[in-house]
Amino acid sequence: MKTKIQQKYDAFVAYFEEHMPVAETELEYKDPYQLLVAVILSAQCTDKRVNMTTPALFHRFPSAKDMADSSVEEIYTYIKSISYPNNKAKNLLGMAQTLVRDFNGIVPNNLEDMQRLPGVGRKTANVMMAVAFDKPAMPVDTHVFRVSNRIGLTKNSKNVLETEKTLVANLPQEVLSKAHHWLILHGRYVCLARKPKCGECGISGICDFYQKNQKKEQ
């Protein structure tokens, strides 16, 4: 006999497997280096804005070596329309120089080495594992944190690491990285932060937030 939380996870996976069988990042990239740059730029910035910025950036810096030989000032000129461009320019230069110095210019495919790169925290490293290298990983951003708590997949998780561990423990490994995109896209287009579109939501039947509000209205 499955527990209620197991039944909730089963229903969540079943719904999205049927209605969103293909779930991918909206960032545009051609290789792990480009994805890493785009993910660093995407912190507190929309994917749409990042995708408008990266073509010129990648044309000027087609490899980590090209970026490593540049300067913070030059990188800044290409990303000044992005949020926090000064800090991100420093991180991009440091990331590229570390890649060239320690990894022969190749993006490492493990979590520990990824987090040695400037500008790369656990979430970014997990994105790289899931998206660039197709490894089972659960990056937790604001959408994933909010939506998983709202639905009740991660009840009362206090921080992103706790949320990550709970989701990893309960989701089948084979859908883990795809589930990350399910939660992000659901949070971006349906389960909005201020005014979720519960009337359009296909998983309201398993959502704690929706059920709680229904009881209030009765």
C-alpha atoms as a PDB file:
ATOM      1  CA  MET A   1       0.000   0.000   0.000  1.00  0.00           C
ATOM      2  CA  LYS A   2       1.531   3.307  -1.086  1.00  0.00           C
ATOM      3  CA  THR A   3       1.580   6.288   1.253  1.00  0.00           C
ATOM      4  CA  LYS A   4      -0.270   9.494   0.354  1.00  0.00           C
ATOM      5  CA  ILE A   5       2.968  11.255  -0.525  1.00  0.00           C
ATOM      6  CA  GLN A   6       4.011   8.375  -2.807  1.00  0.00           C
ATOM      7  CA  GLN A   7       0.614   8.534  -4.496  1.00  0.00           C
ATOM      8  CA  LYS A   8       1.080  12.295  -4.951  1.00  0.00           C
ATOM      9  CA  TYR A   9       4.478  11.795  -6.590  1.00  0.00           C
ATOM     10  CA  ASP A  10       3.063   9.053  -8.842  1.00  0.00           C
ATOM     11  CA  ALA A  11       0.222  11.339  -9.951  1.00  0.00           C
ATOM     12  CA  PHE A  12       2.642  14.227 -10.544  1.00  0.00           C
ATOM     13  CA  VAL A  13       4.919  12.107 -12.750  1.00  0.00           C
ATOM     14  CA  ALA A  14       2.007  10.496 -14.619  1.00  0.00           C
ATOM     15  CA  TYR A  15       0.450  13.870 -15.447  1.00  0.00           C
ATOM     16  CA  PHE A  16       3.616  15.461 -16.792  1.00  0.00           C
ATOM     17  CA  GLU A  17       4.784  12.329 -18.622  1.00  0.00           C
ATOM     18  CA  GLU A  18       1.508  12.520 -20.545  1.00  0.00           C
ATOM     19  CA  HIS A  19       1.191  16.292 -20.998  1.00  0.00           C
ATOM     20  CA  MET A  20       4.841  17.375 -21.166  1.00  0.00           C
ATOM     21  CA  PRO A  21       6.838  14.320 -22.327  1.00  0.00           C
ATOM     22  CA  VAL A  22       9.562  16.592 -23.689  1.00  0.00           C
ATOM     23  CA  ALA A  23      10.747  19.173 -21.158  1.00  0.00           C
ATOM     24  CA  GLU A  24      13.938  21.095 -21.846  1.00  0.00           C
ATOM     25  CA  THR A  25      15.728  24.271 -20.859  1.00  0.00           C
ATOM     26  CA  GLU A  26      14.663  27.419 -22.699  1.00  0.00           C
ATOM     27  CA  LEU A  27      18.258  28.643 -22.769  1.00  0.00           C
ATOM     28  CA  GLU A  28      19.858  28.420 -26.217  1.00  0.00           C
ATOM     29  CA  TYR A  29      23.274  26.756 -26.427  1.00  0.00           C
ATOM     30  CA  LYS A  30      25.369  24.435 -28.615  1.00  0.00           C
ATOM     31  CA  ASP A  31      27.809  22.834 -26.162  1.00  0.00           C
ATOM     32  CA  PRO A  32      28.514  22.559 -22.405  1.00  0.00           C
ATOM     33  CA  TYR A  33      30.676  25.713 -22.416  1.00  0.00           C
ATOM     34  CA  GLN A  34      27.860  27.791 -23.939  1.00  0.00           C
ATOM     35  CA  LEU A  35      25.313  26.313 -21.543  1.00  0.00           C
ATOM     36  CA  LEU A  36      27.522  27.095 -18.551  1.00  0.00           C
ATOM     37  CA  VAL A  37      27.897  30.711 -19.655  1.00  0.00           C
ATOM     38  CA  ALA A  38      24.126  30.998 -20.223  1.00  0.00           C
ATOM     39  CA  VAL A  39      23.262  29.483 -16.839  1.00  0.00           C
ATOM     40  CA  ILE A  40      25.643  31.849 -15.029  1.00  0.00           C
ATOM     41  CA  LEU A  41      24.030  34.771 -16.855  1.00  0.00           C
ATOM     42  CA  SER A  42      20.499  33.519 -16.101  1.00  0.00           C
ATOM     43  CA  ALA A  43      20.745  34.054 -12.332  1.00  0.00           C
ATOM     44  CA  GLN A  44      17.984  36.538 -11.428  1.00  0.00           C
ATOM     45  CA  CYS A  45      17.456  37.204 -15.134  1.00  0.00           C
ATOM     46  CA  THR A  46      14.990  35.831 -17.687  1.00  0.00           C
ATOM     47  CA  ASP A  47      16.019  33.166 -20.175  1.00  0.00           C
ATOM     48  CA  LYS A  48      14.597  35.396 -22.908  1.00  0.00           C
ATOM     49  CA  ARG A  49      16.994  38.212 -22.039  1.00  0.00           C
ATOM     50  CA  VAL A  50      19.930  35.780 -21.824  1.00  0.00           C
ATOM     51  CA  ASN A  51      19.085  34.354 -25.268  1.00  0.00           C
ATOM     52  CA  MET A  52      19.089  37.890 -26.707  1.00  0.00           C
ATOM     53  CA  THR A  53      22.542  38.522 -25.233  1.00  0.00           C
ATOM     54  CA  THR A  54      24.504  35.323 -25.862  1.00  0.00           C
ATOM     55  CA  PRO A  55      24.759  35.231 -29.706  1.00  0.00           C
ATOM     56  CA  ALA A  56      27.151  38.217 -29.838  1.00  0.00           C
ATOM     57  CA  LEU A  57      28.958  36.980 -26.729  1.00  0.00           C
ATOM     58  CA  PHE A  58      29.524  33.502 -28.191  1.00  0.00           C
ATOM     59  CA  HIS A  59      30.579  34.972 -31.531  1.00  0.00           C
ATOM     60  CA  ARG A  60      33.295  36.963 -29.768  1.00  0.00           C
ATOM     61  CA  PHE A  61      34.194  34.161 -27.321  1.00  0.00           C
ATOM     62  CA  PRO A  62      33.567  30.816 -29.065  1.00  0.00           C
ATOM     63  CA  SER A  63      35.622  28.908 -26.466  1.00  0.00           C
ATOM     64  CA  ALA A  64      36.709  29.133 -22.841  1.00  0.00           C
ATOM     65  CA  LYS A  65      40.234  29.986 -24.063  1.00  0.00           C
ATOM     66  CA  ASP A  66      38.956  33.007 -25.983  1.00  0.00           C
ATOM     67  CA  MET A  67      37.077  34.250 -22.926  1.00  0.00           C
ATOM     68  CA  ALA A  68      40.010  33.530 -20.594  1.00  0.00           C
ATOM     69  CA  ASP A  69      42.250  35.778 -22.724  1.00  0.00           C
ATOM     70  CA  SER A  70      39.794  38.671 -22.447  1.00  0.00           C
ATOM     71  CA  SER A  71      39.082  41.079 -19.574  1.00  0.00           C
ATOM     72  CA  VAL A  72      36.224  41.874 -17.205  1.00  0.00           C
ATOM     73  CA  GLU A  73      35.773  45.193 -18.990  1.00  0.00           C
ATOM     74  CA  GLU A  74      35.386  43.620 -22.440  1.00  0.00           C
ATOM     75  CA  ILE A  75      33.045  40.838 -21.260  1.00  0.00           C
ATOM     76  CA  TYR A  76      30.947  43.506 -19.519  1.00  0.00           C
ATOM     77  CA  THR A  77      30.304  45.298 -22.821  1.00  0.00           C
ATOM     78  CA  TYR A  78      28.565  42.187 -24.163  1.00  0.00           C
ATOM     79  CA  ILE A  79      26.425  41.483 -21.085  1.00  0.00           C
ATOM     80  CA  LYS A  80      25.578  44.955 -19.765  1.00  0.00           C
ATOM     81  CA  SER A  81      21.851  44.451 -20.469  1.00  0.00           C
ATOM     82  CA  ILE A  82      21.828  41.439 -18.086  1.00  0.00           C
ATOM     83  CA  SER A  83      21.145  41.802 -14.359  1.00  0.00           C
ATOM     84  CA  TYR A  84      24.302  42.258 -12.208  1.00  0.00           C
ATOM     85  CA  PRO A  85      26.636  42.554 -15.223  1.00  0.00           C
ATOM     86  CA  ASN A  86      29.718  43.641 -13.233  1.00  0.00           C
ATOM     87  CA  ASN A  87      29.666  40.619 -10.963  1.00  0.00           C
ATOM     88  CA  LYS A  88      28.773  38.217 -13.781  1.00  0.00           C
ATOM     89  CA  ALA A  89      31.592  39.559 -15.982  1.00  0.00           C
ATOM     90  CA  LYS A  90      34.055  38.812 -13.175  1.00  0.00           C
ATOM     91  CA  ASN A  91      32.592  35.330 -12.709  1.00  0.00           C
ATOM     92  CA  LEU A  92      32.690  34.551 -16.426  1.00  0.00           C
ATOM     93  CA  LEU A  93      36.335  35.576 -16.723  1.00  0.00           C
ATOM     94  CA  GLY A  94      37.260  33.594 -13.590  1.00  0.00           C
ATOM     95  CA  MET A  95      35.265  30.578 -14.778  1.00  0.00           C
ATOM     96  CA  ALA A  96      36.953  30.606 -18.199  1.00  0.00           C
ATOM     97  CA  GLN A  97      40.437  31.028 -16.734  1.00  0.00           C
ATOM     98  CA  THR A  98      39.855  28.182 -14.267  1.00  0.00           C
ATOM     99  CA  LEU A  99      38.556  25.939 -17.069  1.00  0.00           C
ATOM    100  CA  VAL A 100      41.667  26.611 -19.140  1.00  0.00           C
ATOM    101  CA  ARG A 101      44.104  26.314 -16.225  1.00  0.00           C
ATOM    102  CA  ASP A 102      42.643  23.279 -14.436  1.00  0.00           C
ATOM    103  CA  PHE A 103      40.526  21.429 -17.002  1.00  0.00           C
ATOM    104  CA  ASN A 104      42.201  21.998 -20.365  1.00  0.00           C
ATOM    105  CA  GLY A 105      39.308  24.262 -21.392  1.00  0.00           C
ATOM    106  CA  ILE A 106      36.753  21.453 -21.053  1.00  0.00           C
ATOM    107  CA  VAL A 107      33.713  21.735 -18.770  1.00  0.00           C
ATOM    108  CA  PRO A 108      33.980  18.997 -16.100  1.00  0.00           C
ATOM    109  CA  ASN A 109      31.102  16.516 -15.903  1.00  0.00           C
ATOM    110  CA  ASN A 110      30.994  16.025 -12.138  1.00  0.00           C
ATOM    111  CA  LEU A 111      29.421  18.086  -9.371  1.00  0.00           C
ATOM    112  CA  GLU A 112      32.544  18.539  -7.249  1.00  0.00           C
ATOM    113  CA  ASP A 113      34.758  19.923 -10.026  1.00  0.00           C
ATOM    114  CA  MET A 114      31.938  22.084 -11.393  1.00  0.00           C
ATOM    115  CA  GLN A 115      31.642  23.866  -8.053  1.00  0.00           C
ATOM    116  CA  ARG A 116      35.317  24.831  -8.176  1.00  0.00           C
ATOM    117  CA  LEU A 117      34.491  27.250 -10.993  1.00  0.00           C
ATOM    118  CA  PRO A 118      33.835  30.911 -10.090  1.00  0.00           C
ATOM    119  CA  GLY A 119      30.147  31.778 -10.327  1.00  0.00           C
ATOM    120  CA  VAL A 120      29.090  28.131 -10.084  1.00  0.00           C
ATOM    121  CA  GLY A 121      27.128  27.114  -7.006  1.00  0.00           C
ATOM    122  CA  ARG A 122      25.284  23.878  -6.346  1.00  0.00           C
ATOM    123  CA  LYS A 123      22.228  24.860  -8.400  1.00  0.00           C
ATOM    124  CA  THR A 124      24.246  25.787 -11.496  1.00  0.00           C
ATOM    125  CA  ALA A 125      26.363  22.648 -11.146  1.00  0.00           C
ATOM    126  CA  ASN A 126      23.203  20.534 -10.934  1.00  0.00           C
ATOM    127  CA  VAL A 127      21.787  22.244 -14.036  1.00  0.00           C
ATOM    128  CA  MET A 128      24.938  21.281 -15.898  1.00  0.00           C
ATOM    129  CA  MET A 129      24.722  17.683 -14.688  1.00  0.00           C
ATOM    130  CA  ALA A 130      21.070  17.383 -15.737  1.00  0.00           C
ATOM    131  CA  VAL A 131      21.065  19.347 -18.991  1.00  0.00           C
ATOM    132  CA  ALA A 132      24.577  19.139 -20.441  1.00  0.00           C
ATOM    133  CA  PHE A 133      25.484  15.638 -19.291  1.00  0.00           C
ATOM    134  CA  ASP A 134      22.053  13.980 -18.923  1.00  0.00           C
ATOM    135  CA  LYS A 135      22.778  12.810 -15.372  1.00  0.00           C
ATOM    136  CA  PRO A 136      20.073  12.390 -12.728  1.00  0.00           C
ATOM    137  CA  ALA A 137      20.138  15.685 -10.842  1.00  0.00           C
ATOM    138  CA  MET A 138      17.623  18.106  -9.332  1.00  0.00           C
ATOM    139  CA  PRO A 139      18.663  21.755  -9.553  1.00  0.00           C
ATOM    140  CA  VAL A 140      16.469  23.820  -7.232  1.00  0.00           C
ATOM    141  CA  ASP A 141      15.776  27.419  -8.244  1.00  0.00           C
ATOM    142  CA  THR A 142      13.028  29.734  -6.989  1.00  0.00           C
ATOM    143  CA  HIS A 143      10.390  28.103  -9.243  1.00  0.00           C
ATOM    144  CA  VAL A 144      11.258  24.553  -8.152  1.00  0.00           C
ATOM    145  CA  PHE A 145      11.395  25.581  -4.483  1.00  0.00           C
ATOM    146  CA  ARG A 146       8.047  27.404  -4.608  1.00  0.00           C
ATOM    147  CA  VAL A 147       6.092  24.952  -6.770  1.00  0.00           C
ATOM    148  CA  SER A 148       7.231  21.746  -5.041  1.00  0.00           C
ATOM    149  CA  ASN A 149       6.312  23.249  -1.661  1.00  0.00           C
ATOM    150  CA  ARG A 150       2.970  24.546  -2.923  1.00  0.00           C
ATOM    151  CA  ILE A 151       1.956  21.212  -4.396  1.00  0.00           C
ATOM    152  CA  GLY A 152       3.096  19.414  -1.271  1.00  0.00           C
ATOM    153  CA  LEU A 153       5.862  17.345  -2.823  1.00  0.00           C
ATOM    154  CA  THR A 154       8.234  18.885  -0.296  1.00  0.00           C
ATOM    155  CA  LYS A 155       6.209  19.839   2.746  1.00  0.00           C
ATOM    156  CA  ASN A 156       7.711  22.688   4.784  1.00  0.00           C
ATOM    157  CA  SER A 157      11.185  22.474   3.240  1.00  0.00           C
ATOM    158  CA  LYS A 158      13.175  25.295   4.790  1.00  0.00           C
ATOM    159  CA  ASN A 159      15.879  25.644   2.138  1.00  0.00           C
ATOM    160  CA  VAL A 160      16.855  24.583  -1.374  1.00  0.00           C
ATOM    161  CA  LEU A 161      19.151  21.764  -0.230  1.00  0.00           C
ATOM    162  CA  GLU A 162      16.366  20.201   1.821  1.00  0.00           C
ATOM    163  CA  THR A 163      14.028  20.527  -1.177  1.00  0.00           C
ATOM    164  CA  GLU A 164      16.609  18.950  -3.480  1.00  0.00           C
ATOM    165  CA  LYS A 165      17.156  15.973  -1.152  1.00  0.00           C
ATOM    166  CA  THR A 166      13.420  15.348  -0.753  1.00  0.00           C
ATOM    167  CA  LEU A 167      12.750  15.459  -4.503  1.00  0.00           C
ATOM    168  CA  VAL A 168      15.743  13.212  -5.269  1.00  0.00           C
ATOM    169  CA  ALA A 169      14.573  10.702  -2.661  1.00  0.00           C
ATOM    170  CA  ASN A 170      11.016  10.516  -3.997  1.00  0.00           C
ATOM    171  CA  LEU A 171      11.206  10.921  -7.772  1.00  0.00           C
ATOM    172  CA  PRO A 172      12.245   8.024 -10.021  1.00  0.00           C
ATOM    173  CA  GLN A 173      15.872   8.567 -11.121  1.00  0.00           C
ATOM    174  CA  GLU A 174      14.998   8.238 -14.787  1.00  0.00           C
ATOM    175  CA  VAL A 175      12.693  11.296 -14.693  1.00  0.00           C
ATOM    176  CA  LEU A 176      14.661  13.374 -12.188  1.00  0.00           C
ATOM    177  CA  SER A 177      16.278  15.852 -14.565  1.00  0.00           C
ATOM    178  CA  LYS A 178      13.079  16.133 -16.633  1.00  0.00           C
ATOM    179  CA  ALA A 179      11.048  16.739 -13.456  1.00  0.00           C
ATOM    180  CA  HIS A 180      13.277  19.753 -12.799  1.00  0.00           C
ATOM    181  CA  HIS A 181      12.023  21.267 -16.072  1.00  0.00           C
ATOM    182  CA  TRP A 182       8.423  20.255 -15.312  1.00  0.00           C
ATOM    183  CA  LEU A 183       8.541  22.228 -12.065  1.00  0.00           C
ATOM    184  CA  ILE A 184      10.294  25.230 -13.646  1.00  0.00           C
ATOM    185  CA  LEU A 185       7.960  25.478 -16.636  1.00  0.00           C
ATOM    186  CA  HIS A 186       4.876  24.909 -14.481  1.00  0.00           C
ATOM    187  CA  GLY A 187       6.062  27.675 -12.154  1.00  0.00           C
ATOM    188  CA  ARG A 188       6.899  29.987 -15.042  1.00  0.00           C
ATOM    189  CA  TYR A 189       3.610  29.674 -16.944  1.00  0.00           C
ATOM    190  CA  VAL A 190       0.898  28.255 -14.634  1.00  0.00           C
ATOM    191  CA  CYS A 191       1.819  28.247 -10.937  1.00  0.00           C
ATOM    192  CA  LEU A 192       2.838  31.908 -10.878  1.00  0.00           C
ATOM    193  CA  ALA A 193       4.305  33.335  -7.684  1.00  0.00           C
ATOM    194  CA  ARG A 194       1.702  36.013  -6.931  1.00  0.00           C
ATOM    195  CA  LYS A 195      -1.365  34.759  -8.759  1.00  0.00           C
ATOM    196  CA  PRO A 196      -1.247  31.071  -9.686  1.00  0.00           C
ATOM    197  CA  LYS A 197      -3.575  30.054 -12.528  1.00  0.00           C
ATOM    198  CA  CYS A 198      -5.280  27.266 -10.576  1.00  0.00           C
ATOM    199  CA  GLY A 199      -8.166  27.161 -13.058  1.00  0.00           C
ATOM    200  CA  GLU A 200      -5.736  26.158 -15.814  1.00  0.00           C
ATOM    201  CA  CYS A 201      -3.737  23.710 -13.713  1.00  0.00           C
ATOM    202  CA  GLY A 202      -3.910  20.021 -14.537  1.00  0.00           C
ATOM    203  CA  ILE A 203      -2.578  18.915 -11.152  1.00  0.00           C
ATOM    204  CA  SER A 204      -4.843  20.951  -8.857  1.00  0.00           C
ATOM    205  CA  GLY A 205      -6.316  17.645  -7.668  1.00  0.00           C
ATOM    206  CA  ILE A 206      -3.055  16.763  -5.923  1.00  0.00           C
ATOM    207  CA  CYS A 207      -2.063  20.307  -4.914  1.00  0.00           C
ATOM    208  CA  ASP A 208      -2.069  21.189  -1.201  1.00  0.00           C
ATOM    209  CA  PHE A 209      -2.294  24.926  -1.955  1.00  0.00           C
ATOM    210  CA  TYR A 210      -5.379  24.479  -4.160  1.00  0.00           C
ATOM    211  CA  GLN A 211      -7.114  22.092  -1.769  1.00  0.00           C
ATOM    212  CA  LYS A 212      -6.515  24.450   1.157  1.00  0.00           C
ATOM    213  CA  ASN A 213      -8.002  27.390  -0.749  1.00  0.00           C
ATOM    214  CA  GLN A 214     -11.012  25.311  -1.815  1.00  0.00           C
ATOM    215  CA  LYS A 215     -11.792  24.523   1.830  1.00  0.00           C
ATOM    216  CA  LYS A 216     -11.586  28.225   2.710  1.00  0.00           C
ATOM    217  CA  GLU A 217     -14.125  29.077   0.016  1.00  0.00           C
ATOM    218  CA  GLN A 218     -16.640  26.439   1.123  1.00  0.00           C
END
